[in-house]
């Protein structure tokens, strides 16, 4: 893996970490259960993407 590719993966990991943390915090604050469940699904998706990027290393 080139250094440029490594920088891309590290950047993507940071973005996915931020998104899964934000999704978790938001889902906990929402009162609407349907919307909260949707945001929890987003959290799971970002967690999967985070793990996929992590496996590239």
PDB file of N, CA and C in Angstrom:
ATOM      1  N   UNK A   1       0.855  -1.169   0.000  1.00  0.00           N
ATOM      2  CA  UNK A   1       0.000   0.000   0.000  1.00  0.00           C
ATOM      3  C   UNK A   1       0.906   1.239   0.000  1.00  0.00           C
ATOM      4  N   UNK A   2       0.605   2.151  -0.892  1.00  0.00           N
ATOM      5  CA  UNK A   2       1.405   3.379  -0.963  1.00  0.00           C
ATOM      6  C   UNK A   2       1.066   4.299   0.206  1.00  0.00           C
ATOM      7  N   UNK A   3       1.916   5.269   0.434  1.00  0.00           N
ATOM      8  CA  UNK A   3       1.661   6.200   1.540  1.00  0.00           C
ATOM      9  C   UNK A   3       0.398   7.024   1.289  1.00  0.00           C
ATOM     10  N   UNK A   4       0.132   7.331   0.013  1.00  0.00           N
ATOM     11  CA  UNK A   4      -1.077   8.084  -0.315  1.00  0.00           C
ATOM     12  C   UNK A   4      -2.324   7.251  -0.012  1.00  0.00           C
ATOM     13  N   UNK A   5      -2.286   5.985  -0.341  1.00  0.00           N
ATOM     14  CA  UNK A   5      -3.414   5.096  -0.058  1.00  0.00           C
ATOM     15  C   UNK A   5      -3.609   4.933   1.450  1.00  0.00           C
ATOM     16  N   UNK A   6      -2.510   4.831   2.176  1.00  0.00           N
ATOM     17  CA  UNK A   6      -2.575   4.715   3.623  1.00  0.00           C
ATOM     18  C   UNK A   6      -3.213   5.957   4.240  1.00  0.00           C
ATOM     19  N   UNK A   7      -2.864   7.121   3.740  1.00  0.00           N
ATOM     20  CA  UNK A   7      -3.473   8.362   4.221  1.00  0.00           C
ATOM     21  C   UNK A   7      -4.971   8.375   3.953  1.00  0.00           C
ATOM     22  N   UNK A   8      -5.370   7.873   2.788  1.00  0.00           N
ATOM     23  CA  UNK A   8      -6.793   7.808   2.461  1.00  0.00           C
ATOM     24  C   UNK A   8      -7.530   6.904   3.435  1.00  0.00           C
ATOM     25  N   UNK A   9      -6.964   5.732   3.710  1.00  0.00           N
ATOM     26  CA  UNK A   9      -7.608   4.775   4.614  1.00  0.00           C
ATOM     27  C   UNK A   9      -7.686   5.357   6.026  1.00  0.00           C
ATOM     28  N   UNK A  10      -6.632   5.996   6.478  1.00  0.00           N
ATOM     29  CA  UNK A  10      -6.644   6.618   7.811  1.00  0.00           C
ATOM     30  C   UNK A  10      -7.706   7.716   7.881  1.00  0.00           C
ATOM     31  N   UNK A  11      -7.828   8.495   6.835  1.00  0.00           N
ATOM     32  CA  UNK A  11      -8.841   9.551   6.785  1.00  0.00           C
ATOM     33  C   UNK A  11     -10.246   8.945   6.804  1.00  0.00           C
ATOM     34  N   UNK A  12     -10.449   7.898   6.034  1.00  0.00           N
ATOM     35  CA  UNK A  12     -11.754   7.229   5.986  1.00  0.00           C
ATOM     36  C   UNK A  12     -12.097   6.624   7.349  1.00  0.00           C
ATOM     37  N   UNK A  13     -11.107   6.062   8.036  1.00  0.00           N
ATOM     38  CA  UNK A  13     -11.343   5.517   9.381  1.00  0.00           C
ATOM     39  C   UNK A  13     -11.810   6.608  10.339  1.00  0.00           C
ATOM     40  N   UNK A  14     -11.179   7.770  10.248  1.00  0.00           N
ATOM     41  CA  UNK A  14     -11.571   8.892  11.096  1.00  0.00           C
ATOM     42  C   UNK A  14     -12.992   9.341  10.829  1.00  0.00           C
ATOM     43  N   UNK A  15     -13.355   9.407   9.553  1.00  0.00           N
ATOM     44  CA  UNK A  15     -14.717   9.817   9.186  1.00  0.00           C
ATOM     45  C   UNK A  15     -15.745   8.793   9.668  1.00  0.00           C
ATOM     46  N   UNK A  16     -15.468   7.524   9.471  1.00  0.00           N
ATOM     47  CA  UNK A  16     -16.412   6.486   9.883  1.00  0.00           C
ATOM     48  C   UNK A  16     -16.540   6.433  11.403  1.00  0.00           C
ATOM     49  N   UNK A  17     -15.443   6.639  12.114  1.00  0.00           N
ATOM     50  CA  UNK A  17     -15.484   6.671  13.573  1.00  0.00           C
ATOM     51  C   UNK A  17     -16.367   7.829  14.042  1.00  0.00           C
ATOM     52  N   UNK A  18     -16.196   8.979  13.429  1.00  0.00           N
ATOM     53  CA  UNK A  18     -17.014  10.138  13.767  1.00  0.00           C
ATOM     54  C   UNK A  18     -18.491   9.872  13.490  1.00  0.00           C
ATOM     55  N   UNK A  19     -18.785   9.277  12.340  1.00  0.00           N
ATOM     56  CA  UNK A  19     -20.178   9.029  11.967  1.00  0.00           C
ATOM     57  C   UNK A  19     -20.839   8.002  12.886  1.00  0.00           C
ATOM     58  N   UNK A  20     -20.124   6.946  13.252  1.00  0.00           N
ATOM     59  CA  UNK A  20     -20.755   5.953  14.136  1.00  0.00           C
ATOM     60  C   UNK A  20     -20.951   6.527  15.532  1.00  0.00           C
ATOM     61  N   UNK A  21     -20.026   7.352  16.019  1.00  0.00           N
ATOM     62  CA  UNK A  21     -20.188   7.993  17.322  1.00  0.00           C
ATOM     63  C   UNK A  21     -21.348   8.982  17.294  1.00  0.00           C
ATOM     64  N   UNK A  22     -21.416   9.778  16.234  1.00  0.00           N
ATOM     65  CA  UNK A  22     -22.506  10.754  16.106  1.00  0.00           C
ATOM     66  C   UNK A  22     -23.856  10.064  16.001  1.00  0.00           C
ATOM     67  N   UNK A  23     -23.916   8.983  15.238  1.00  0.00           N
ATOM     68  CA  UNK A  23     -25.160   8.232  15.082  1.00  0.00           C
ATOM     69  C   UNK A  23     -25.618   7.655  16.413  1.00  0.00           C
ATOM     70  N   UNK A  24     -24.673   7.098  17.178  1.00  0.00           N
ATOM     71  CA  UNK A  24     -25.023   6.520  18.476  1.00  0.00           C
ATOM     72  C   UNK A  24     -25.567   7.589  19.413  1.00  0.00           C
ATOM     73  N   UNK A  25     -24.879   8.716  19.499  1.00  0.00           N
ATOM     74  CA  UNK A  25     -25.321   9.796  20.379  1.00  0.00           C
ATOM     75  C   UNK A  25     -26.684  10.328  19.962  1.00  0.00           C
ATOM     76  N   UNK A  26     -26.898  10.458  18.669  1.00  0.00           N
ATOM     77  CA  UNK A  26     -28.168  10.982  18.171  1.00  0.00           C
ATOM     78  C   UNK A  26     -29.308  10.011  18.439  1.00  0.00           C
ATOM     79  N   UNK A  27     -29.086   8.724  18.190  1.00  0.00           N
ATOM     80  CA  UNK A  27     -30.157   7.735  18.402  1.00  0.00           C
ATOM     81  C   UNK A  27     -30.584   7.677  19.865  1.00  0.00           C
ATOM     82  N   UNK A  28     -29.644   7.914  20.777  1.00  0.00           N
ATOM     83  CA  UNK A  28     -29.971   7.894  22.203  1.00  0.00           C
ATOM     84  C   UNK A  28     -30.810   9.103  22.615  1.00  0.00           C
ATOM     85  N   UNK A  29     -30.691  10.203  21.885  1.00  0.00           N
ATOM     86  CA  UNK A  29     -31.402  11.429  22.231  1.00  0.00           C
ATOM     87  C   UNK A  29     -32.782  11.529  21.583  1.00  0.00           C
ATOM     88  N   UNK A  30     -33.017  10.781  20.536  1.00  0.00           N
ATOM     89  CA  UNK A  30     -34.281  10.885  19.807  1.00  0.00           C
ATOM     90  C   UNK A  30     -35.438  10.267  20.581  1.00  0.00           C
ATOM     91  N   UNK A  31     -36.565  10.947  20.561  1.00  0.00           N
ATOM     92  CA  UNK A  31     -37.763  10.449  21.232  1.00  0.00           C
ATOM     93  C   UNK A  31     -38.609   9.579  20.304  1.00  0.00           C
ATOM     94  N   UNK A  32     -38.583   9.860  19.019  1.00  0.00           N
ATOM     95  CA  UNK A  32     -39.346   9.098  18.026  1.00  0.00           C
ATOM     96  C   UNK A  32     -38.648   7.751  17.817  1.00  0.00           C
ATOM     97  N   UNK A  33     -39.315   6.670  18.163  1.00  0.00           N
ATOM     98  CA  UNK A  33     -38.695   5.344  18.089  1.00  0.00           C
ATOM     99  C   UNK A  33     -38.363   4.924  16.663  1.00  0.00           C
ATOM    100  N   UNK A  34     -39.203   5.288  15.717  1.00  0.00           N
ATOM    101  CA  UNK A  34     -38.939   4.934  14.318  1.00  0.00           C
ATOM    102  C   UNK A  34     -37.675   5.614  13.824  1.00  0.00           C
ATOM    103  N   UNK A  35     -37.565   6.893  14.108  1.00  0.00           N
ATOM    104  CA  UNK A  35     -36.381   7.644  13.697  1.00  0.00           C
ATOM    105  C   UNK A  35     -35.147   7.151  14.447  1.00  0.00           C
ATOM    106  N   UNK A  36     -35.296   6.853  15.711  1.00  0.00           N
ATOM    107  CA  UNK A  36     -34.185   6.338  16.515  1.00  0.00           C
ATOM    108  C   UNK A  36     -33.681   5.010  15.952  1.00  0.00           C
ATOM    109  N   UNK A  37     -34.598   4.129  15.573  1.00  0.00           N
ATOM    110  CA  UNK A  37     -34.208   2.839  14.984  1.00  0.00           C
ATOM    111  C   UNK A  37     -33.484   3.032  13.663  1.00  0.00           C
ATOM    112  N   UNK A  38     -33.942   3.997  12.863  1.00  0.00           N
ATOM    113  CA  UNK A  38     -33.278   4.275  11.596  1.00  0.00           C
ATOM    114  C   UNK A  38     -31.837   4.745  11.828  1.00  0.00           C
ATOM    115  N   UNK A  39     -31.657   5.619  12.797  1.00  0.00           N
ATOM    116  CA  UNK A  39     -30.312   6.135  13.084  1.00  0.00           C
ATOM    117  C   UNK A  39     -29.429   5.027  13.663  1.00  0.00           C
ATOM    118  N   UNK A  40     -30.029   4.096  14.423  1.00  0.00           N
ATOM    119  CA  UNK A  40     -29.262   2.942  14.922  1.00  0.00           C
ATOM    120  C   UNK A  40     -28.784   2.076  13.760  1.00  0.00           C
ATOM    121  N   UNK A  41     -29.610   1.947  12.730  1.00  0.00           N
ATOM    122  CA  UNK A  41     -29.208   1.212  11.532  1.00  0.00           C
ATOM    123  C   UNK A  41     -28.036   1.912  10.849  1.00  0.00           C
ATOM    124  N   UNK A  42     -28.082   3.239  10.827  1.00  0.00           N
ATOM    125  CA  UNK A  42     -26.957   3.998  10.263  1.00  0.00           C
ATOM    126  C   UNK A  42     -25.688   3.757  11.074  1.00  0.00           C
ATOM    127  N   UNK A  43     -25.829   3.697  12.385  1.00  0.00           N
ATOM    128  CA  UNK A  43     -24.680   3.425  13.250  1.00  0.00           C
ATOM    129  C   UNK A  43     -24.064   2.072  12.901  1.00  0.00           C
ATOM    130  N   UNK A  44     -24.913   1.059  12.717  1.00  0.00           N
ATOM    131  CA  UNK A  44     -24.425  -0.273  12.357  1.00  0.00           C
ATOM    132  C   UNK A  44     -23.702  -0.245  11.010  1.00  0.00           C
ATOM    133  N   UNK A  45     -24.276   0.484  10.041  1.00  0.00           N
ATOM    134  CA  UNK A  45     -23.662   0.575   8.720  1.00  0.00           C
ATOM    135  C   UNK A  45     -22.286   1.224   8.805  1.00  0.00           C
ATOM    136  N   UNK A  46     -22.185   2.313   9.572  1.00  0.00           N
ATOM    137  CA  UNK A  46     -20.896   2.983   9.709  1.00  0.00           C
ATOM    138  C   UNK A  46     -19.904   2.122  10.482  1.00  0.00           C
ATOM    139  N   UNK A  47     -20.393   1.327  11.401  1.00  0.00           N
ATOM    140  CA  UNK A  47     -19.510   0.404  12.111  1.00  0.00           C
ATOM    141  C   UNK A  47     -18.960  -0.656  11.159  1.00  0.00           C
ATOM    142  N   UNK A  48     -19.819  -1.162  10.277  1.00  0.00           N
ATOM    143  CA  UNK A  48     -19.376  -2.139   9.272  1.00  0.00           C
ATOM    144  C   UNK A  48     -18.331  -1.527   8.338  1.00  0.00           C
ATOM    145  N   UNK A  49     -18.589  -0.306   7.888  1.00  0.00           N
ATOM    146  CA  UNK A  49     -17.640   0.365   7.005  1.00  0.00           C
ATOM    147  C   UNK A  49     -16.313   0.616   7.717  1.00  0.00           C
ATOM    148  N   UNK A  50     -16.382   1.013   8.987  1.00  0.00           N
ATOM    149  CA  UNK A  50     -15.167   1.227   9.782  1.00  0.00           C
ATOM    150  C   UNK A  50     -14.341  -0.059   9.824  1.00  0.00           C
ATOM    151  N   UNK A  51     -15.009  -1.177  10.103  1.00  0.00           N
ATOM    152  CA  UNK A  51     -14.307  -2.463  10.184  1.00  0.00           C
ATOM    153  C   UNK A  51     -13.713  -2.872   8.838  1.00  0.00           C
ATOM    154  N   UNK A  52     -14.412  -2.580   7.754  1.00  0.00           N
ATOM    155  CA  UNK A  52     -13.883  -2.904   6.427  1.00  0.00           C
ATOM    156  C   UNK A  52     -12.616  -2.107   6.126  1.00  0.00           C
ATOM    157  N   UNK A  53     -12.643  -0.810   6.452  1.00  0.00           N
ATOM    158  CA  UNK A  53     -11.440   0.006   6.251  1.00  0.00           C
ATOM    159  C   UNK A  53     -10.313  -0.459   7.161  1.00  0.00           C
ATOM    160  N   UNK A  54     -10.642  -0.835   8.385  1.00  0.00           N
ATOM    161  CA  UNK A  54      -9.633  -1.300   9.322  1.00  0.00           C
ATOM    162  C   UNK A  54      -8.970  -2.583   8.827  1.00  0.00           C
ATOM    163  N   UNK A  55      -9.741  -3.438   8.190  1.00  0.00           N
ATOM    164  CA  UNK A  55      -9.202  -4.685   7.654  1.00  0.00           C
ATOM    165  C   UNK A  55      -8.258  -4.466   6.477  1.00  0.00           C
ATOM    166  N   UNK A  56      -8.293  -3.300   5.888  1.00  0.00           N
ATOM    167  CA  UNK A  56      -7.369  -3.005   4.785  1.00  0.00           C
ATOM    168  C   UNK A  56      -5.933  -2.820   5.286  1.00  0.00           C
ATOM    169  N   UNK A  57      -5.809  -2.491   6.564  1.00  0.00           N
ATOM    170  CA  UNK A  57      -4.475  -2.234   7.125  1.00  0.00           C
ATOM    171  C   UNK A  57      -3.731  -3.467   7.489  1.00  0.00           C
TER     172      UNK A  57
END
